[in-house]
C-alpha atoms as a PDB file:
ATOM      1  CA  MET A   1      15.540 -10.609  11.496  1.00  0.00           C
ATOM      2  CA  LYS A   2      16.850 -10.629   7.725  1.00  0.00           C
ATOM      3  CA  GLN A   3      16.694  -8.160   4.842  1.00  0.00           C
ATOM      4  CA  ILE A   4      15.089  -7.326   2.135  1.00  0.00           C
ATOM      5  CA  GLU A   5      17.680  -8.918  -0.512  1.00  0.00           C
ATOM      6  CA  ASN A   6      14.689 -10.316  -3.515  1.00  0.00           C
ATOM      7  CA  ARG A   7      11.161 -10.922  -4.438  1.00  0.00           C
ATOM      8  CA  ASP A   8       9.925 -13.877  -2.149  1.00  0.00           C
ATOM      9  CA  ASP A   9      10.948 -11.466   0.266  1.00  0.00           C
ATOM     10  CA  VAL A  10       8.802  -8.703  -1.105  1.00  0.00           C
ATOM     11  CA  GLN A  11       6.275 -11.047  -1.990  1.00  0.00           C
ATOM     12  CA  LEU A  12       5.818 -11.927   2.306  1.00  0.00           C
ATOM     13  CA  LEU A  13       5.710  -8.578   3.423  1.00  0.00           C
ATOM     14  CA  VAL A  14       2.796  -7.755   0.782  1.00  0.00           C
ATOM     15  CA  HIS A  15       1.252 -10.856   1.449  1.00  0.00           C
ATOM     16  CA  ARG A  16       1.143  -9.852   5.653  1.00  0.00           C
ATOM     17  CA  PHE A  17       0.834  -6.748   5.459  1.00  0.00           C
ATOM     18  CA  TYR A  18      -2.359  -7.509   3.580  1.00  0.00           C
ATOM     19  CA  ASP A  19      -3.373  -9.618   5.400  1.00  0.00           C
ATOM     20  CA  LYS A  20      -3.378  -7.461   8.339  1.00  0.00           C
ATOM     21  CA  VAL A  21      -5.524  -4.726   5.663  1.00  0.00           C
ATOM     22  CA  ARG A  22      -7.609  -7.266   5.612  1.00  0.00           C
ATOM     23  CA  ALA A  23      -8.678  -7.967   8.311  1.00  0.00           C
ATOM     24  CA  ASN A  24      -8.862  -4.475   9.241  1.00  0.00           C
ATOM     25  CA  PRO A  25     -11.826  -2.968  10.992  1.00  0.00           C
ATOM     26  CA  GLU A  26     -10.947   1.098   9.575  1.00  0.00           C
ATOM     27  CA  ILE A  27      -9.284   0.311   6.576  1.00  0.00           C
ATOM     28  CA  GLY A  28     -10.579  -3.544   5.067  1.00  0.00           C
ATOM     29  CA  SER A  29     -13.732  -2.453   4.131  1.00  0.00           C
ATOM     30  CA  PHE A  30     -11.896  -0.049   1.468  1.00  0.00           C
ATOM     31  CA  PHE A  31     -10.077  -2.964   0.012  1.00  0.00           C
ATOM     32  CA  ASN A  32     -12.294  -6.157   0.423  1.00  0.00           C
ATOM     33  CA  GLU A  33     -15.380  -4.161  -1.347  1.00  0.00           C
ATOM     34  CA  THR A  34     -13.711  -3.114  -4.063  1.00  0.00           C
ATOM     35  CA  ILE A  35     -10.157  -5.900  -4.961  1.00  0.00           C
ATOM     36  CA  THR A  36     -12.851  -8.649  -7.121  1.00  0.00           C
ATOM     37  CA  ASP A  37      -8.860 -11.093  -7.842  1.00  0.00           C
ATOM     38  CA  TRP A  38      -6.169 -11.067  -5.055  1.00  0.00           C
ATOM     39  CA  SER A  39      -4.067 -13.167  -6.874  1.00  0.00           C
ATOM     40  CA  HIS A  40      -3.632 -10.323  -9.024  1.00  0.00           C
ATOM     41  CA  HIS A  41      -3.297  -7.348  -7.198  1.00  0.00           C
ATOM     42  CA  LEU A  42      -1.190  -9.552  -5.149  1.00  0.00           C
ATOM     43  CA  GLU A  43       1.090  -9.788  -7.706  1.00  0.00           C
ATOM     44  CA  LYS A  44       0.797  -5.944  -9.183  1.00  0.00           C
ATOM     45  CA  LEU A  45       1.525  -4.664  -5.608  1.00  0.00           C
ATOM     46  CA  THR A  46       4.399  -7.279  -4.809  1.00  0.00           C
ATOM     47  CA  ASP A  47       5.505  -5.891  -8.770  1.00  0.00           C
ATOM     48  CA  PHE A  48       5.032  -2.360  -7.555  1.00  0.00           C
ATOM     49  CA  TRP A  49       6.975  -3.002  -4.820  1.00  0.00           C
ATOM     50  CA  GLU A  50       9.649  -4.986  -6.394  1.00  0.00           C
ATOM     51  CA  SER A  51      10.318  -1.789  -8.444  1.00  0.00           C
ATOM     52  CA  ASN A  52      10.521  -0.076  -5.668  1.00  0.00           C
ATOM     53  CA  LEU A  53      13.268  -1.463  -3.787  1.00  0.00           C
ATOM     54  CA  LEU A  54      14.955  -3.667  -6.006  1.00  0.00           C
ATOM     55  CA  TYR A  55      14.743  -1.281  -9.142  1.00  0.00           C
ATOM     56  CA  ALA A  56      13.046  -4.698 -10.240  1.00  0.00           C
ATOM     57  CA  GLY A  57      10.541  -6.060 -11.797  1.00  0.00           C
ATOM     58  CA  SER A  58       7.708  -4.534 -14.095  1.00  0.00           C
ATOM     59  CA  TYR A  59       4.933  -2.966 -12.761  1.00  0.00           C
ATOM     60  CA  ARG A  60       2.882  -1.188 -15.152  1.00  0.00           C
ATOM     61  CA  GLY A  61       0.270   1.128 -13.283  1.00  0.00           C
ATOM     62  CA  ARG A  62      -1.429   4.593 -12.079  1.00  0.00           C
ATOM     63  CA  PRO A  63      -2.221   4.167  -8.180  1.00  0.00           C
ATOM     64  CA  GLY A  64      -2.852   8.101  -7.532  1.00  0.00           C
ATOM     65  CA  ARG A  65      -5.515   7.530  -9.649  1.00  0.00           C
ATOM     66  CA  THR A  66      -6.404   3.673  -9.106  1.00  0.00           C
ATOM     67  CA  HIS A  67      -6.701   5.554  -4.989  1.00  0.00           C
ATOM     68  CA  ILE A  68      -8.763   8.814  -6.561  1.00  0.00           C
ATOM     69  CA  GLU A  69     -11.545   6.300  -7.896  1.00  0.00           C
ATOM     70  CA  VAL A  70     -11.789   4.222  -5.075  1.00  0.00           C
ATOM     71  CA  ASP A  71     -12.358   7.303  -2.819  1.00  0.00           C
ATOM     72  CA  TYR A  72     -15.823   7.930  -5.562  1.00  0.00           C
ATOM     73  CA  LYS A  73     -16.663   4.810  -4.522  1.00  0.00           C
ATOM     74  CA  TYR A  74     -16.745   5.603  -1.017  1.00  0.00           C
ATOM     75  CA  ASN A  75     -18.433   9.094  -1.318  1.00  0.00           C
ATOM     76  CA  HIS A  76     -15.319  10.705  -0.786  1.00  0.00           C
ATOM     77  CA  GLN A  77     -14.707   9.161   2.623  1.00  0.00           C
ATOM     78  CA  ILE A  78     -11.068   8.147   2.558  1.00  0.00           C
ATOM     79  CA  GLU A  79      -9.400  10.611   5.385  1.00  0.00           C
ATOM     80  CA  ALA A  80      -5.932  10.801   6.530  1.00  0.00           C
ATOM     81  CA  LYS A  81      -6.793   8.505   9.405  1.00  0.00           C
ATOM     82  CA  HIS A  82      -7.168   5.808   7.335  1.00  0.00           C
ATOM     83  CA  PHE A  83      -4.129   6.541   5.370  1.00  0.00           C
ATOM     84  CA  GLY A  84      -2.549   7.040   9.411  1.00  0.00           C
ATOM     85  CA  VAL A  85      -3.671   2.612  10.120  1.00  0.00           C
ATOM     86  CA  TRP A  86      -2.768   1.865   6.374  1.00  0.00           C
ATOM     87  CA  LEU A  87       1.235   3.086   7.785  1.00  0.00           C
ATOM     88  CA  ASN A  88       1.317   1.741  11.373  1.00  0.00           C
ATOM     89  CA  LEU A  89       0.027  -1.257   9.438  1.00  0.00           C
ATOM     90  CA  TRP A  90       2.599  -1.701   7.210  1.00  0.00           C
ATOM     91  CA  VAL A  91       5.678  -0.518   9.585  1.00  0.00           C
ATOM     92  CA  ASN A  92       4.472  -3.620  11.678  1.00  0.00           C
ATOM     93  CA  THR A  93       4.606  -5.290   9.128  1.00  0.00           C
ATOM     94  CA  LEU A  94       8.419  -4.866   8.674  1.00  0.00           C
ATOM     95  CA  ASP A  95       9.307  -4.290  11.521  1.00  0.00           C
ATOM     96  CA  GLU A  96       7.849  -8.168  11.799  1.00  0.00           C
ATOM     97  CA  TYR A  97       9.111  -9.905   9.782  1.00  0.00           C
ATOM     98  CA  PHE A  98      12.229  -6.955   8.135  1.00  0.00           C
ATOM     99  CA  GLU A  99      15.759  -4.737   9.211  1.00  0.00           C
ATOM    100  CA  GLY A 100      18.300  -3.013   7.773  1.00  0.00           C
ATOM    101  CA  GLU A 101      18.434  -0.846   4.667  1.00  0.00           C
ATOM    102  CA  LEU A 102      15.670  -1.142   2.486  1.00  0.00           C
ATOM    103  CA  ALA A 103      13.395  -1.573   4.782  1.00  0.00           C
ATOM    104  CA  GLU A 104      14.072   1.008   6.450  1.00  0.00           C
ATOM    105  CA  ARG A 105      13.275   2.889   3.075  1.00  0.00           C
ATOM    106  CA  ALA A 106      10.758   0.545   2.067  1.00  0.00           C
ATOM    107  CA  LYS A 107       9.292   2.928   5.748  1.00  0.00           C
ATOM    108  CA  PHE A 108      10.534   6.006   4.132  1.00  0.00           C
ATOM    109  CA  ASN A 109       8.631   5.884   0.736  1.00  0.00           C
ATOM    110  CA  ALA A 110       4.864   4.276   2.425  1.00  0.00           C
ATOM    111  CA  ARG A 111       4.589   7.505   3.962  1.00  0.00           C
ATOM    112  CA  ASN A 112       5.933   9.388   1.016  1.00  0.00           C
ATOM    113  CA  MET A 113       3.502   8.045  -0.796  1.00  0.00           C
ATOM    114  CA  ALA A 114       0.882   7.560   1.858  1.00  0.00           C
ATOM    115  CA  THR A 115       1.607  11.732   2.055  1.00  0.00           C
ATOM    116  CA  ASN A 116       1.135  12.061  -2.453  1.00  0.00           C
ATOM    117  CA  PHE A 117      -1.904   9.621  -2.888  1.00  0.00           C
ATOM    118  CA  GLN A 118      -4.262  11.748   0.518  1.00  0.00           C
ATOM    119  CA  MET A 119      -3.170  15.061  -1.535  1.00  0.00           C
ATOM    120  CA  LYS A 120      -4.065  13.871  -4.861  1.00  0.00           C
ATOM    121  CA  ILE A 121      -7.500  12.721  -3.602  1.00  0.00           C
ATOM    122  CA  PHE A 122      -8.345  15.847  -1.972  1.00  0.00           C
ATOM    123  CA  MET A 123      -7.254  17.376  -5.028  1.00  0.00           C
ATOM    124  CA  ALA A 124      -9.359  15.897  -7.340  1.00  0.00           C
ATOM    125  CA  ARG A 125     -12.701  16.350  -5.165  1.00  0.00           C
ATOM    126  CA  PRO A 126     -15.384  18.367  -6.012  1.00  0.00           C
ATOM    127  CA  LYS A 127     -14.770  22.317  -5.232  1.00  0.00           C
ATOM    128  CA  GLN A 128     -17.657  22.875  -2.569  1.00  0.00           C
END
């Protein structure tokens, strides 16, 4: 086991994690049917996590807005359980490859993001 130290480590984490996401029967379709350019997407997510963990990089984006758009695309079918699957895959991938302070920060930040994205999606849904 090693610590997350640089962009190469973040890239390994992101790539191995999304290998699992894409193969997952519960959440894979959300990603596989939405993302058309996986190389670009993985690079952008590596930028995001590099900025998030190493305070470096060049991430620019609005991930909350993107998750709301995906929820609309799927007729508001994204639920808390889907974020739970996503989070478990993230934690399992971290535990498989890394240890240490930044690995723990990545888990903590992902839990916060999952909660935040769930709330953004819920609040953006049409009122019934």
